[in-house]
């Protein structure tokens, strides 16, 4: 385990508010969120351009896949409604 070192950090009110909201959402302390964000930033900084582009690509594809799934659910619901109406003799 790494030894903890106390630092002083000045951030804008909006940044602090967003960090506190994230801490609440994740069930972490403000300190834990700040450490997590710093670690992730340092990790991301070490990635190659290709790895960064892959992350962006997967996120973009996730958005497209979600849209397609939502459309499929809508079509499936329409088909289900039509089938139920047919079976009910409407």
Foldseek 3Di string as FASTA:
>chain_A
DDDDDDDDDDDDPVVQVVLVVVCVVVVHDSVVSVVVVVVVVVVVVPDDPVVVVVVVVVVVVVVVVVVVVVVVVVVVVVVVVVVVCVVVVD
